[in-house]
Amino acid sequence: MQYGRFLLGAAVSALSLAAGMTPSQAQTSTQTASALETVVVTARKREENAQSVPISINAFSQGVAYFHAGVDTLRSKSLDGNSYDSGDWFNRLDWSYADDNFGVGLPPAASNQSNWPMQQPLLANAAIKPTPVEIAWARDEFRDLLKIRRSTTLLRLRSADDIKSRLKFYNTGSQQVPTVLVGDLDGRGYAGANFQELTYFVNVDKSAHAIAIPALQGRAFELHPVHTAFNAADKRAAQASYDASSGTFTIPARTAVAFVVRH
């Protein structure tokens, strides 16, 4: 489990660096800034997948996946920096998926008063509040990630030894594309793997990237069936491609993609 947490921590650090922050800056960034990124970027520019990409790091990591309540519904606490004592008014979850609780008023003064001048015009701006369309999309994209995780025990390896022997990372070292995380899992002979191999990509960049991995040349990779299903939420994931002759994977901007080799 400790090894799994280490891998998740490394992945989150990669995401922070890709966003232009050092790990220490990422840890000390305020919840208000995180809320703004979620609301402004994700809700109104969902084609960039700024909400689902960090969630995918959890979904593809080993160990117990931790997802905060409401992360699948663009849940907002109206920029409250510390909602522990804020009650249901700011902590509400709408399971009808009609509202994300953004813009319900200025958050309590105790933890937020110094930010009120910045928060007030944002909370009053209906143009940046997610609609039921964006909320439903975030919900469905989250469910797709869960389907991928559930489809194979390779994303839930049973021991640290399994992780060490079956999981490897590509696109590493000084020549790496720093905004793309690449993990490869060997499913041969593993109970419940359902695939001979699974390779996942998390591209946190605003641009698409082509990643050449010579070690994966000549394989029979195809997109995970969840990505190609007619009801897949993220249609851009289906645009990802693999060239067997060069071992090159092309990953759309701000997209998480899994490729598989069937038994």
C-alpha atoms as a PDB file:
ATOM      1  CA  MET A   1       0.000   0.000   0.000  1.00  0.00           C
ATOM      2  CA  GLN A   2       2.842   2.395   0.808  1.00  0.00           C
ATOM      3  CA  TYR A   3       4.292   1.734  -2.645  1.00  0.00           C
ATOM      4  CA  GLY A   4       0.923   2.495  -4.211  1.00  0.00           C
ATOM      5  CA  ARG A   5       0.721   5.779  -2.333  1.00  0.00           C
ATOM      6  CA  PHE A   6       4.226   6.630  -3.519  1.00  0.00           C
ATOM      7  CA  LEU A   7       3.188   6.096  -7.125  1.00  0.00           C
ATOM      8  CA  LEU A   8       0.125   8.267  -6.687  1.00  0.00           C
ATOM      9  CA  GLY A   9       2.220  10.974  -5.058  1.00  0.00           C
ATOM     10  CA  ALA A  10       4.655  10.896  -7.957  1.00  0.00           C
ATOM     11  CA  ALA A  11       1.812  11.199 -10.428  1.00  0.00           C
ATOM     12  CA  VAL A  12       0.301  14.171  -8.600  1.00  0.00           C
ATOM     13  CA  SER A  13       3.723  15.843  -8.543  1.00  0.00           C
ATOM     14  CA  ALA A  14       3.946  15.387 -12.296  1.00  0.00           C
ATOM     15  CA  LEU A  15       0.562  17.033 -12.699  1.00  0.00           C
ATOM     16  CA  SER A  16       1.657  19.982 -10.534  1.00  0.00           C
ATOM     17  CA  LEU A  17       4.827  20.487 -12.539  1.00  0.00           C
ATOM     18  CA  ALA A  18       2.848  20.335 -15.748  1.00  0.00           C
ATOM     19  CA  ALA A  19       0.708  23.162 -14.469  1.00  0.00           C
ATOM     20  CA  GLY A  20       3.825  25.303 -13.996  1.00  0.00           C
ATOM     21  CA  MET A  21       4.155  24.909 -10.226  1.00  0.00           C
ATOM     22  CA  THR A  22       6.762  23.349  -8.006  1.00  0.00           C
ATOM     23  CA  PRO A  23       5.441  20.598  -5.704  1.00  0.00           C
ATOM     24  CA  SER A  24       5.670  22.923  -2.698  1.00  0.00           C
ATOM     25  CA  GLN A  25       3.705  25.617  -4.510  1.00  0.00           C
ATOM     26  CA  ALA A  26       1.065  23.093  -5.476  1.00  0.00           C
ATOM     27  CA  GLN A  27       0.669  21.989  -1.860  1.00  0.00           C
ATOM     28  CA  THR A  28       0.311  25.544  -0.596  1.00  0.00           C
ATOM     29  CA  SER A  29      -2.064  26.815  -3.274  1.00  0.00           C
ATOM     30  CA  THR A  30      -5.365  27.852  -1.738  1.00  0.00           C
ATOM     31  CA  GLN A  31      -8.627  25.981  -2.054  1.00  0.00           C
ATOM     32  CA  THR A  32     -10.036  29.128  -3.593  1.00  0.00           C
ATOM     33  CA  ALA A  33      -7.649  28.853  -6.524  1.00  0.00           C
ATOM     34  CA  SER A  34      -8.567  25.204  -6.953  1.00  0.00           C
ATOM     35  CA  ALA A  35     -12.240  26.069  -6.952  1.00  0.00           C
ATOM     36  CA  LEU A  36     -11.712  28.729  -9.588  1.00  0.00           C
ATOM     37  CA  GLU A  37      -9.838  26.283 -11.824  1.00  0.00           C
ATOM     38  CA  THR A  38     -12.646  23.762 -11.492  1.00  0.00           C
ATOM     39  CA  VAL A  39     -15.460  26.205 -12.166  1.00  0.00           C
ATOM     40  CA  VAL A  40     -13.933  28.448 -14.811  1.00  0.00           C
ATOM     41  CA  VAL A  41     -11.876  25.964 -16.794  1.00  0.00           C
ATOM     42  CA  THR A  42     -13.833  22.760 -16.415  1.00  0.00           C
ATOM     43  CA  ALA A  43     -17.406  23.889 -16.448  1.00  0.00           C
ATOM     44  CA  ARG A  44     -17.118  26.235 -19.411  1.00  0.00           C
ATOM     45  CA  LYS A  45     -14.300  24.566 -21.333  1.00  0.00           C
ATOM     46  CA  ARG A  46     -15.022  20.934 -20.741  1.00  0.00           C
ATOM     47  CA  GLU A  47     -13.269  20.028 -23.978  1.00  0.00           C
ATOM     48  CA  GLU A  48     -10.020  20.573 -22.074  1.00  0.00           C
ATOM     49  CA  ASN A  49     -10.995  18.001 -19.420  1.00  0.00           C
ATOM     50  CA  ALA A  50      -9.384  19.963 -16.604  1.00  0.00           C
ATOM     51  CA  GLN A  51     -11.639  18.206 -14.106  1.00  0.00           C
ATOM     52  CA  SER A  52     -11.401  14.609 -15.265  1.00  0.00           C
ATOM     53  CA  VAL A  53      -7.656  14.522 -15.943  1.00  0.00           C
ATOM     54  CA  PRO A  54      -6.546  14.793 -12.277  1.00  0.00           C
ATOM     55  CA  ILE A  55      -9.318  12.373 -11.300  1.00  0.00           C
ATOM     56  CA  SER A  56      -7.904   9.875 -13.802  1.00  0.00           C
ATOM     57  CA  ILE A  57      -4.590   9.797 -11.918  1.00  0.00           C
ATOM     58  CA  ASN A  58      -6.481   8.371  -8.956  1.00  0.00           C
ATOM     59  CA  ALA A  59      -8.427   5.975 -11.157  1.00  0.00           C
ATOM     60  CA  PHE A  60      -5.280   4.579 -12.795  1.00  0.00           C
ATOM     61  CA  SER A  61      -3.145   4.425  -9.627  1.00  0.00           C
ATOM     62  CA  GLN A  62      -2.612   1.406  -7.403  1.00  0.00           C
ATOM     63  CA  GLY A  63      -4.025   1.053  -3.907  1.00  0.00           C
ATOM     64  CA  VAL A  64      -7.377   2.279  -2.664  1.00  0.00           C
ATOM     65  CA  ALA A  65      -8.655   5.072  -4.895  1.00  0.00           C
ATOM     66  CA  TYR A  66      -9.829   8.076  -2.886  1.00  0.00           C
ATOM     67  CA  PHE A  67     -12.367  10.360  -4.535  1.00  0.00           C
ATOM     68  CA  HIS A  68     -13.738  13.333  -2.632  1.00  0.00           C
ATOM     69  CA  ALA A  69     -17.521  13.499  -2.425  1.00  0.00           C
ATOM     70  CA  GLY A  70     -18.940  15.514  -5.297  1.00  0.00           C
ATOM     71  CA  VAL A  71     -15.819  15.427  -7.461  1.00  0.00           C
ATOM     72  CA  ASP A  72     -17.943  13.689 -10.087  1.00  0.00           C
ATOM     73  CA  THR A  73     -20.582  16.422 -10.111  1.00  0.00           C
ATOM     74  CA  LEU A  74     -18.445  19.583 -10.226  1.00  0.00           C
ATOM     75  CA  ARG A  75     -19.510  20.184  -6.641  1.00  0.00           C
ATOM     76  CA  SER A  76     -18.762  23.685  -5.445  1.00  0.00           C
ATOM     77  CA  LYS A  77     -18.637  25.139  -1.965  1.00  0.00           C
ATOM     78  CA  SER A  78     -18.914  28.653  -3.368  1.00  0.00           C
ATOM     79  CA  LEU A  79     -15.186  29.307  -2.899  1.00  0.00           C
ATOM     80  CA  ASP A  80     -15.282  28.480   0.817  1.00  0.00           C
ATOM     81  CA  GLY A  81     -11.662  27.960   1.854  1.00  0.00           C
ATOM     82  CA  ASN A  82     -12.608  25.905   4.907  1.00  0.00           C
ATOM     83  CA  SER A  83     -16.116  24.475   4.928  1.00  0.00           C
ATOM     84  CA  TYR A  84     -15.756  22.276   8.018  1.00  0.00           C
ATOM     85  CA  ASP A  85     -18.189  24.393  10.045  1.00  0.00           C
ATOM     86  CA  SER A  86     -20.131  25.876   7.132  1.00  0.00           C
ATOM     87  CA  GLY A  87     -23.105  23.530   7.305  1.00  0.00           C
ATOM     88  CA  ASP A  88     -25.240  22.208   4.476  1.00  0.00           C
ATOM     89  CA  TRP A  89     -25.648  25.630   2.880  1.00  0.00           C
ATOM     90  CA  PHE A  90     -22.109  25.433   1.490  1.00  0.00           C
ATOM     91  CA  ASN A  91     -21.558  21.665   1.639  1.00  0.00           C
ATOM     92  CA  ARG A  92     -24.718  20.565  -0.159  1.00  0.00           C
ATOM     93  CA  LEU A  93     -24.596  17.712  -2.655  1.00  0.00           C
ATOM     94  CA  ASP A  94     -27.304  17.643  -5.325  1.00  0.00           C
ATOM     95  CA  TRP A  95     -27.817  14.049  -6.443  1.00  0.00           C
ATOM     96  CA  SER A  96     -30.331  15.155  -9.054  1.00  0.00           C
ATOM     97  CA  TYR A  97     -27.337  16.659 -10.910  1.00  0.00           C
ATOM     98  CA  ALA A  98     -29.206  19.889 -11.519  1.00  0.00           C
ATOM     99  CA  ASP A  99     -26.988  22.240  -9.509  1.00  0.00           C
ATOM    100  CA  ASP A 100     -23.403  22.259  -8.225  1.00  0.00           C
ATOM    101  CA  ASN A 101     -23.993  24.748  -5.360  1.00  0.00           C
ATOM    102  CA  PHE A 102     -21.876  27.536  -6.866  1.00  0.00           C
ATOM    103  CA  GLY A 103     -22.954  31.094  -6.148  1.00  0.00           C
ATOM    104  CA  VAL A 104     -25.040  30.495  -3.018  1.00  0.00           C
ATOM    105  CA  GLY A 105     -23.511  33.486  -1.238  1.00  0.00           C
ATOM    106  CA  LEU A 106     -20.236  34.708   0.210  1.00  0.00           C
ATOM    107  CA  PRO A 107     -18.600  31.978   2.316  1.00  0.00           C
ATOM    108  CA  PRO A 108     -18.290  32.498   6.100  1.00  0.00           C
ATOM    109  CA  ALA A 109     -16.013  35.300   7.221  1.00  0.00           C
ATOM    110  CA  ALA A 110     -13.829  33.232   9.539  1.00  0.00           C
ATOM    111  CA  SER A 111     -11.751  31.687   6.750  1.00  0.00           C
ATOM    112  CA  ASN A 112     -12.736  33.816   3.792  1.00  0.00           C
ATOM    113  CA  GLN A 113     -13.334  37.480   4.588  1.00  0.00           C
ATOM    114  CA  SER A 114      -9.997  38.637   3.187  1.00  0.00           C
ATOM    115  CA  ASN A 115     -11.000  37.101  -0.164  1.00  0.00           C
ATOM    116  CA  TRP A 116     -14.515  38.531  -0.311  1.00  0.00           C
ATOM    117  CA  PRO A 117     -13.611  41.396  -2.712  1.00  0.00           C
ATOM    118  CA  MET A 118     -12.335  38.840  -5.223  1.00  0.00           C
ATOM    119  CA  GLN A 119     -15.018  36.241  -4.540  1.00  0.00           C
ATOM    120  CA  GLN A 120     -18.127  38.429  -4.679  1.00  0.00           C
ATOM    121  CA  PRO A 121     -18.089  39.268  -8.428  1.00  0.00           C
ATOM    122  CA  LEU A 122     -17.203  35.694  -9.322  1.00  0.00           C
ATOM    123  CA  LEU A 123     -20.009  34.206  -7.262  1.00  0.00           C
ATOM    124  CA  ALA A 124     -22.444  36.655  -8.850  1.00  0.00           C
ATOM    125  CA  ASN A 125     -21.351  35.773 -12.389  1.00  0.00           C
ATOM    126  CA  ALA A 126     -23.866  33.287 -13.763  1.00  0.00           C
ATOM    127  CA  ALA A 127     -21.770  32.818 -16.901  1.00  0.00           C
ATOM    128  CA  ILE A 128     -19.234  30.676 -15.048  1.00  0.00           C
ATOM    129  CA  LYS A 129     -21.738  28.513 -13.178  1.00  0.00           C
ATOM    130  CA  PRO A 130     -21.954  24.961 -14.573  1.00  0.00           C
ATOM    131  CA  THR A 131     -25.262  23.978 -16.098  1.00  0.00           C
ATOM    132  CA  PRO A 132     -26.861  20.541 -15.752  1.00  0.00           C
ATOM    133  CA  VAL A 133     -25.245  19.688 -19.100  1.00  0.00           C
ATOM    134  CA  GLU A 134     -21.705  20.169 -17.766  1.00  0.00           C
ATOM    135  CA  ILE A 135     -22.561  18.447 -14.491  1.00  0.00           C
ATOM    136  CA  ALA A 136     -23.962  15.404 -16.296  1.00  0.00           C
ATOM    137  CA  TRP A 137     -20.907  15.263 -18.526  1.00  0.00           C
ATOM    138  CA  ALA A 138     -18.556  15.282 -15.508  1.00  0.00           C
ATOM    139  CA  ARG A 139     -20.634  12.555 -13.864  1.00  0.00           C
ATOM    140  CA  ASP A 140     -20.570  10.346 -16.954  1.00  0.00           C
ATOM    141  CA  GLU A 141     -16.842  10.858 -17.532  1.00  0.00           C
ATOM    142  CA  PHE A 142     -16.169   9.855 -13.925  1.00  0.00           C
ATOM    143  CA  ARG A 143     -18.260   6.732 -14.361  1.00  0.00           C
ATOM    144  CA  ASP A 144     -16.272   5.841 -17.475  1.00  0.00           C
ATOM    145  CA  LEU A 145     -13.055   6.032 -15.453  1.00  0.00           C
ATOM    146  CA  LEU A 146     -14.599   3.726 -12.856  1.00  0.00           C
ATOM    147  CA  LYS A 147     -15.576   1.281 -15.613  1.00  0.00           C
ATOM    148  CA  ILE A 148     -11.990   1.174 -16.817  1.00  0.00           C
ATOM    149  CA  ARG A 149     -10.708   0.603 -13.289  1.00  0.00           C
ATOM    150  CA  ARG A 150     -13.280  -2.114 -12.669  1.00  0.00           C
ATOM    151  CA  SER A 151     -12.535  -3.887 -15.954  1.00  0.00           C
ATOM    152  CA  THR A 152      -9.160  -5.205 -14.823  1.00  0.00           C
ATOM    153  CA  THR A 153      -7.294  -6.183 -11.678  1.00  0.00           C
ATOM    154  CA  LEU A 154      -4.199  -4.601 -13.234  1.00  0.00           C
ATOM    155  CA  LEU A 155      -5.376  -1.295 -11.785  1.00  0.00           C
ATOM    156  CA  ARG A 156      -5.865  -2.973  -8.405  1.00  0.00           C
ATOM    157  CA  LEU A 157      -2.742  -5.108  -8.009  1.00  0.00           C
ATOM    158  CA  ARG A 158      -2.756  -7.162  -4.822  1.00  0.00           C
ATOM    159  CA  SER A 159       0.690  -6.561  -3.383  1.00  0.00           C
ATOM    160  CA  ALA A 160       3.782  -4.389  -3.554  1.00  0.00           C
ATOM    161  CA  ASP A 161       5.618  -7.259  -5.237  1.00  0.00           C
ATOM    162  CA  ASP A 162       2.938  -7.374  -7.946  1.00  0.00           C
ATOM    163  CA  ILE A 163       3.326  -3.644  -8.486  1.00  0.00           C
ATOM    164  CA  LYS A 164       7.104  -3.844  -8.713  1.00  0.00           C
ATOM    165  CA  SER A 165       7.040  -6.729 -11.179  1.00  0.00           C
ATOM    166  CA  ARG A 166       4.122  -5.688 -13.386  1.00  0.00           C
ATOM    167  CA  LEU A 167       4.032  -1.885 -13.470  1.00  0.00           C
ATOM    168  CA  LYS A 168       6.585   0.217 -15.306  1.00  0.00           C
ATOM    169  CA  PHE A 169       6.670   3.833 -16.408  1.00  0.00           C
ATOM    170  CA  TYR A 170       7.722   5.111 -19.812  1.00  0.00           C
ATOM    171  CA  ASN A 171       8.424   8.670 -20.987  1.00  0.00           C
ATOM    172  CA  THR A 172      10.866   9.250 -18.130  1.00  0.00           C
ATOM    173  CA  GLY A 173      14.298  10.843 -17.836  1.00  0.00           C
ATOM    174  CA  SER A 174      15.791  14.020 -19.233  1.00  0.00           C
ATOM    175  CA  GLN A 175      14.184  13.619 -22.657  1.00  0.00           C
ATOM    176  CA  GLN A 176      10.669  13.047 -21.399  1.00  0.00           C
ATOM    177  CA  VAL A 177       7.607  15.031 -22.383  1.00  0.00           C
ATOM    178  CA  PRO A 178       7.003  16.388 -18.865  1.00  0.00           C
ATOM    179  CA  THR A 179       3.254  16.817 -19.251  1.00  0.00           C
ATOM    180  CA  VAL A 180       2.462  13.198 -20.135  1.00  0.00           C
ATOM    181  CA  LEU A 181       2.328  10.365 -17.602  1.00  0.00           C
ATOM    182  CA  VAL A 182       2.695   6.863 -19.093  1.00  0.00           C
ATOM    183  CA  GLY A 183       2.149   3.649 -17.124  1.00  0.00           C
ATOM    184  CA  ASP A 184       2.323   0.122 -18.535  1.00  0.00           C
ATOM    185  CA  LEU A 185       0.921  -2.976 -16.829  1.00  0.00           C
ATOM    186  CA  ASP A 186       1.729  -6.591 -17.696  1.00  0.00           C
ATOM    187  CA  GLY A 187      -1.375  -8.771 -17.448  1.00  0.00           C
ATOM    188  CA  ARG A 188       0.109 -12.084 -18.569  1.00  0.00           C
ATOM    189  CA  GLY A 189      -0.836 -14.831 -16.148  1.00  0.00           C
ATOM    190  CA  TYR A 190      -2.518 -12.466 -13.697  1.00  0.00           C
ATOM    191  CA  ALA A 191      -5.939 -13.446 -12.369  1.00  0.00           C
ATOM    192  CA  GLY A 192      -8.673 -11.050 -13.446  1.00  0.00           C
ATOM    193  CA  ALA A 193      -6.400  -8.989 -15.689  1.00  0.00           C
ATOM    194  CA  ASN A 194      -8.686  -9.561 -18.687  1.00  0.00           C
ATOM    195  CA  PHE A 195      -5.989  -8.040 -20.912  1.00  0.00           C
ATOM    196  CA  GLN A 196      -2.515  -9.145 -21.843  1.00  0.00           C
ATOM    197  CA  GLU A 197      -1.293  -5.589 -21.385  1.00  0.00           C
ATOM    198  CA  LEU A 198      -2.711  -2.196 -20.422  1.00  0.00           C
ATOM    199  CA  THR A 199      -0.945   1.101 -21.057  1.00  0.00           C
ATOM    200  CA  TYR A 200      -2.409   4.357 -19.814  1.00  0.00           C
ATOM    201  CA  PHE A 201      -1.611   7.947 -20.658  1.00  0.00           C
ATOM    202  CA  VAL A 202      -2.503  11.115 -18.769  1.00  0.00           C
ATOM    203  CA  ASN A 203      -1.827  14.213 -20.842  1.00  0.00           C
ATOM    204  CA  VAL A 204      -2.212  17.321 -18.668  1.00  0.00           C
ATOM    205  CA  ASP A 205      -1.060  19.677 -21.409  1.00  0.00           C
ATOM    206  CA  LYS A 206      -3.266  21.991 -23.467  1.00  0.00           C
ATOM    207  CA  SER A 207      -1.744  20.424 -26.578  1.00  0.00           C
ATOM    208  CA  ALA A 208      -1.815  16.913 -28.006  1.00  0.00           C
ATOM    209  CA  HIS A 209       1.390  14.881 -27.817  1.00  0.00           C
ATOM    210  CA  ALA A 210       2.863  11.987 -29.778  1.00  0.00           C
ATOM    211  CA  ILE A 211       4.922   9.735 -27.503  1.00  0.00           C
ATOM    212  CA  ALA A 212       7.238   7.209 -29.168  1.00  0.00           C
ATOM    213  CA  ILE A 213       7.952   4.145 -27.037  1.00  0.00           C
ATOM    214  CA  PRO A 214      10.225   1.748 -28.964  1.00  0.00           C
ATOM    215  CA  ALA A 215       9.723  -0.985 -26.359  1.00  0.00           C
ATOM    216  CA  LEU A 216       6.026  -1.091 -27.293  1.00  0.00           C
ATOM    217  CA  GLN A 217       6.494  -1.390 -31.053  1.00  0.00           C
ATOM    218  CA  GLY A 218       4.647  -4.105 -32.933  1.00  0.00           C
ATOM    219  CA  ARG A 219       1.985  -4.727 -30.291  1.00  0.00           C
ATOM    220  CA  ALA A 220      -1.724  -5.184 -30.955  1.00  0.00           C
ATOM    221  CA  PHE A 221      -2.789  -2.173 -28.913  1.00  0.00           C
ATOM    222  CA  GLU A 222      -6.306  -0.832 -29.225  1.00  0.00           C
ATOM    223  CA  LEU A 223      -8.281   1.691 -27.240  1.00  0.00           C
ATOM    224  CA  HIS A 224      -9.970   0.382 -24.124  1.00  0.00           C
ATOM    225  CA  PRO A 225     -13.567  -0.587 -25.015  1.00  0.00           C
ATOM    226  CA  VAL A 226     -14.935   2.083 -22.647  1.00  0.00           C
ATOM    227  CA  HIS A 227     -13.405   4.783 -24.870  1.00  0.00           C
ATOM    228  CA  THR A 228     -14.997   3.425 -28.031  1.00  0.00           C
ATOM    229  CA  ALA A 229     -18.454   2.725 -26.606  1.00  0.00           C
ATOM    230  CA  PHE A 230     -21.265   4.651 -28.275  1.00  0.00           C
ATOM    231  CA  ASN A 231     -22.163   6.280 -24.948  1.00  0.00           C
ATOM    232  CA  ALA A 232     -18.617   7.239 -23.915  1.00  0.00           C
ATOM    233  CA  ALA A 233     -18.629  10.674 -22.276  1.00  0.00           C
ATOM    234  CA  ASP A 234     -15.249  11.894 -23.517  1.00  0.00           C
ATOM    235  CA  LYS A 235     -15.406  11.672 -27.297  1.00  0.00           C
ATOM    236  CA  ARG A 236     -11.893  13.050 -27.616  1.00  0.00           C
ATOM    237  CA  ALA A 237     -10.362   9.986 -25.991  1.00  0.00           C
ATOM    238  CA  ALA A 238     -11.482   7.986 -29.020  1.00  0.00           C
ATOM    239  CA  GLN A 239      -9.219  10.218 -31.151  1.00  0.00           C
ATOM    240  CA  ALA A 240      -6.114   8.791 -29.466  1.00  0.00           C
ATOM    241  CA  SER A 241      -4.124   6.485 -31.736  1.00  0.00           C
ATOM    242  CA  TYR A 242      -1.283   3.970 -31.822  1.00  0.00           C
ATOM    243  CA  ASP A 243       1.179   3.345 -34.648  1.00  0.00           C
ATOM    244  CA  ALA A 244       2.569  -0.174 -34.298  1.00  0.00           C
ATOM    245  CA  SER A 245       5.458   0.401 -36.713  1.00  0.00           C
ATOM    246  CA  SER A 246       7.043   3.064 -34.516  1.00  0.00           C
ATOM    247  CA  GLY A 247       5.410   2.417 -31.162  1.00  0.00           C
ATOM    248  CA  THR A 248       4.022   5.955 -31.191  1.00  0.00           C
ATOM    249  CA  PHE A 249       0.932   6.876 -29.207  1.00  0.00           C
ATOM    250  CA  THR A 250      -0.860  10.140 -29.975  1.00  0.00           C
ATOM    251  CA  ILE A 251      -2.821  11.541 -27.043  1.00  0.00           C
ATOM    252  CA  PRO A 252      -5.263  14.481 -27.311  1.00  0.00           C
ATOM    253  CA  ALA A 253      -4.863  17.514 -25.066  1.00  0.00           C
ATOM    254  CA  ARG A 254      -5.907  17.186 -21.432  1.00  0.00           C
ATOM    255  CA  THR A 255      -7.096  13.640 -21.886  1.00  0.00           C
ATOM    256  CA  ALA A 256      -6.655  10.365 -20.032  1.00  0.00           C
ATOM    257  CA  VAL A 257      -6.534   7.296 -22.265  1.00  0.00           C
ATOM    258  CA  ALA A 258      -6.038   3.569 -21.748  1.00  0.00           C
ATOM    259  CA  PHE A 259      -4.848   1.206 -24.483  1.00  0.00           C
ATOM    260  CA  VAL A 260      -5.090  -2.561 -24.143  1.00  0.00           C
ATOM    261  CA  VAL A 261      -3.755  -5.702 -25.786  1.00  0.00           C
ATOM    262  CA  ARG A 262      -6.361  -8.446 -25.632  1.00  0.00           C
ATOM    263  CA  HIS A 263      -5.510 -12.030 -24.754  1.00  0.00           C
END
